[in-house]
């Protein structure tokens, strides 16, 4: 059975919770991918700075550290971009991909906040957007709007 095309008279309108989830995931994806691109472009400078600032660390260890900082955010950014794009097309997997990605990002952000010993503007922004996306994706209206969700009533 096919679902009605978006914009057709029989297609249900997108609930606010879905809009909030799509917007929050899109902004998160943009921030994470931009951060990854900038870190990649400044890879050597980041490695040099770590080698200069941290005692007893080799250049290879610094390179590994920068790669380990880059990869999770790149993967989560790509996953959030896909989830945002396909959730608006009512794909059930996109909702769950968004839930997983935002839950992981929330946990990663909290761990980084504890490890850094404080809250930065960037970490607070990621945390607020992650929680907004997660609660929107788990909302009853989102669950009912996505095919395969529980029926209303």
Protein backbone atom coordinates (compact mmCIF):
# COMPACT_ATOMS: atom_id res chain seq x y z
CA UNK A 1 0.00 0.00 0.00
CA UNK A 2 1.37 3.42 -0.89
CA UNK A 3 1.15 6.48 1.27
CA UNK A 4 -0.35 9.66 -0.17
CA UNK A 5 2.14 12.09 -1.66
CA UNK A 6 3.00 15.13 0.39
CA UNK A 7 0.76 18.00 -0.60
CA UNK A 8 -2.02 15.78 -1.93
CA UNK A 9 -5.50 16.34 -0.45
CA UNK A 10 -5.51 12.96 1.32
CA UNK A 11 -2.04 13.36 2.90
CA UNK A 12 -2.24 14.31 6.58
CA UNK A 13 -0.56 17.61 7.43
CA UNK A 14 2.76 17.50 9.23
CA UNK A 15 2.27 17.92 13.00
CA UNK A 16 4.23 20.57 14.87
CA UNK A 17 6.23 17.91 16.70
CA UNK A 18 7.49 16.54 13.37
CA UNK A 19 8.38 20.04 12.15
CA UNK A 20 10.31 20.74 15.35
CA UNK A 21 12.11 17.40 15.06
CA UNK A 22 13.04 17.96 11.40
CA UNK A 23 14.24 21.52 12.07
CA UNK A 24 16.23 20.56 15.18
CA UNK A 25 17.86 17.59 13.41
CA UNK A 26 18.66 19.76 10.38
CA UNK A 27 20.33 22.42 12.52
CA UNK A 28 22.24 19.77 14.47
CA UNK A 29 23.37 18.11 11.24
CA UNK A 30 24.54 21.43 9.84
CA UNK A 31 26.47 22.29 13.01
CA UNK A 32 28.10 18.88 13.30
CA UNK A 33 29.03 18.68 9.62
CA UNK A 34 30.39 22.24 9.64
CA UNK A 35 32.44 21.43 12.74
CA UNK A 36 33.77 18.28 11.08
CA UNK A 37 34.69 20.11 7.88
CA UNK A 38 36.46 22.89 9.78
CA UNK A 39 38.33 20.41 11.95
CA UNK A 40 39.38 18.46 8.85
CA UNK A 41 40.57 21.61 7.09
CA UNK A 42 42.52 22.63 10.19
CA UNK A 43 43.67 19.10 10.98
CA UNK A 44 47.42 19.84 11.05
CA UNK A 45 46.92 23.01 13.08
CA UNK A 46 44.80 21.12 15.63
CA UNK A 47 47.44 18.39 15.90
CA UNK A 48 50.21 20.98 16.30
CA UNK A 49 48.29 22.79 19.03
CA UNK A 50 47.71 19.57 20.99
CA UNK A 51 51.39 18.64 20.72
CA UNK A 52 52.36 22.11 21.98
CA UNK A 53 49.80 22.32 24.79
CA UNK A 54 49.97 18.78 26.21
CA UNK A 55 53.07 17.36 27.84
CA UNK A 56 54.20 13.84 26.97
CA UNK A 57 52.11 13.36 23.82
CA UNK A 58 53.48 12.29 20.48
CA UNK A 59 52.35 13.67 17.15
CA UNK A 60 50.78 10.28 16.27
CA UNK A 61 48.81 10.28 19.52
CA UNK A 62 47.62 13.83 18.81
CA UNK A 63 46.56 12.80 15.29
CA UNK A 64 44.61 9.87 16.72
CA UNK A 65 42.94 12.18 19.26
CA UNK A 66 41.83 14.62 16.55
CA UNK A 67 40.48 11.81 14.37
CA UNK A 68 38.58 10.37 17.34
CA UNK A 69 37.10 13.82 17.96
CA UNK A 70 36.12 14.23 14.31
CA UNK A 71 34.60 10.87 13.36
CA UNK A 72 31.68 10.60 15.85
CA UNK A 73 30.43 14.08 15.02
CA UNK A 74 30.78 13.44 11.28
CA UNK A 75 28.83 10.17 11.49
CA UNK A 76 26.12 11.69 13.70
CA UNK A 77 25.87 14.71 11.40
CA UNK A 78 25.35 12.51 8.35
CA UNK A 79 22.81 10.35 10.19
CA UNK A 80 20.89 13.40 11.40
CA UNK A 81 20.86 14.92 7.91
CA UNK A 82 19.43 11.70 6.46
CA UNK A 83 16.90 11.35 9.28
CA UNK A 84 15.70 14.95 8.85
CA UNK A 85 15.36 14.59 5.08
CA UNK A 86 13.48 11.31 5.19
CA UNK A 87 11.33 11.97 8.26
CA UNK A 88 9.62 14.75 6.33
CA UNK A 89 8.84 12.03 3.73
CA UNK A 90 7.23 9.90 6.48
CA UNK A 91 9.86 7.15 6.51
CA UNK A 92 9.59 5.16 9.78
CA UNK A 93 13.32 4.28 9.84
CA UNK A 94 14.14 8.00 9.79
CA UNK A 95 12.31 8.56 13.07
CA UNK A 96 14.28 5.79 14.76
CA UNK A 97 17.56 6.91 13.20
CA UNK A 98 16.86 10.39 14.57
CA UNK A 99 16.07 9.01 18.03
CA UNK A 100 19.30 7.00 18.11
CA UNK A 101 21.44 9.85 16.76
CA UNK A 102 20.01 12.49 19.10
CA UNK A 103 20.23 10.17 22.11
CA UNK A 104 23.89 9.43 21.29
CA UNK A 105 24.61 13.12 20.74
CA UNK A 106 22.95 14.01 24.04
CA UNK A 107 25.05 11.43 25.88
CA UNK A 108 28.24 12.48 24.08
CA UNK A 109 27.59 16.13 24.86
CA UNK A 110 26.97 15.39 28.54
CA UNK A 111 30.17 13.33 28.76
CA UNK A 112 32.13 16.13 27.09
CA UNK A 113 30.65 18.68 29.50
CA UNK A 114 31.70 16.59 32.49
CA UNK A 115 35.16 15.92 31.03
CA UNK A 116 35.67 19.62 30.26
CA UNK A 117 34.48 20.54 33.73
CA UNK A 118 31.90 23.03 32.53
CA UNK A 119 29.38 24.19 30.03
CA UNK A 120 30.26 26.09 26.88
CA UNK A 121 27.85 27.91 24.58
CA UNK A 122 28.41 25.25 21.91
CA UNK A 123 27.75 22.34 24.27
CA UNK A 124 24.64 24.02 25.64
CA UNK A 125 23.34 24.62 22.11
CA UNK A 126 23.95 20.97 21.15
CA UNK A 127 22.28 19.78 24.33
CA UNK A 128 19.17 21.95 23.92
CA UNK A 129 18.74 21.06 20.25
CA UNK A 130 19.33 17.35 20.95
CA UNK A 131 16.74 17.26 23.72
CA UNK A 132 14.25 19.20 21.56
CA UNK A 133 14.74 16.79 18.66
CA UNK A 134 14.55 13.73 20.91
CA UNK A 135 11.35 14.80 22.66
CA UNK A 136 9.76 15.76 19.32
CA UNK A 137 10.64 12.41 17.77
CA UNK A 138 9.22 10.53 20.74
CA UNK A 139 6.02 12.60 20.86
CA UNK A 140 2.71 10.83 20.34
CA UNK A 141 1.81 13.07 17.39
CA UNK A 142 5.06 12.17 15.59
CA UNK A 143 4.55 8.48 16.30
CA UNK A 144 1.01 8.62 14.91
CA UNK A 145 2.00 10.64 11.81
CA UNK A 146 4.73 8.24 10.70
CA UNK A 147 3.38 5.10 8.96
CA UNK A 148 3.56 2.08 11.21
CA UNK A 149 3.11 4.20 14.32
CA UNK A 150 0.29 3.58 16.72
CA UNK A 151 -3.13 4.65 15.45
CA UNK A 152 -4.90 7.54 17.17
CA UNK A 153 -7.32 6.57 19.87
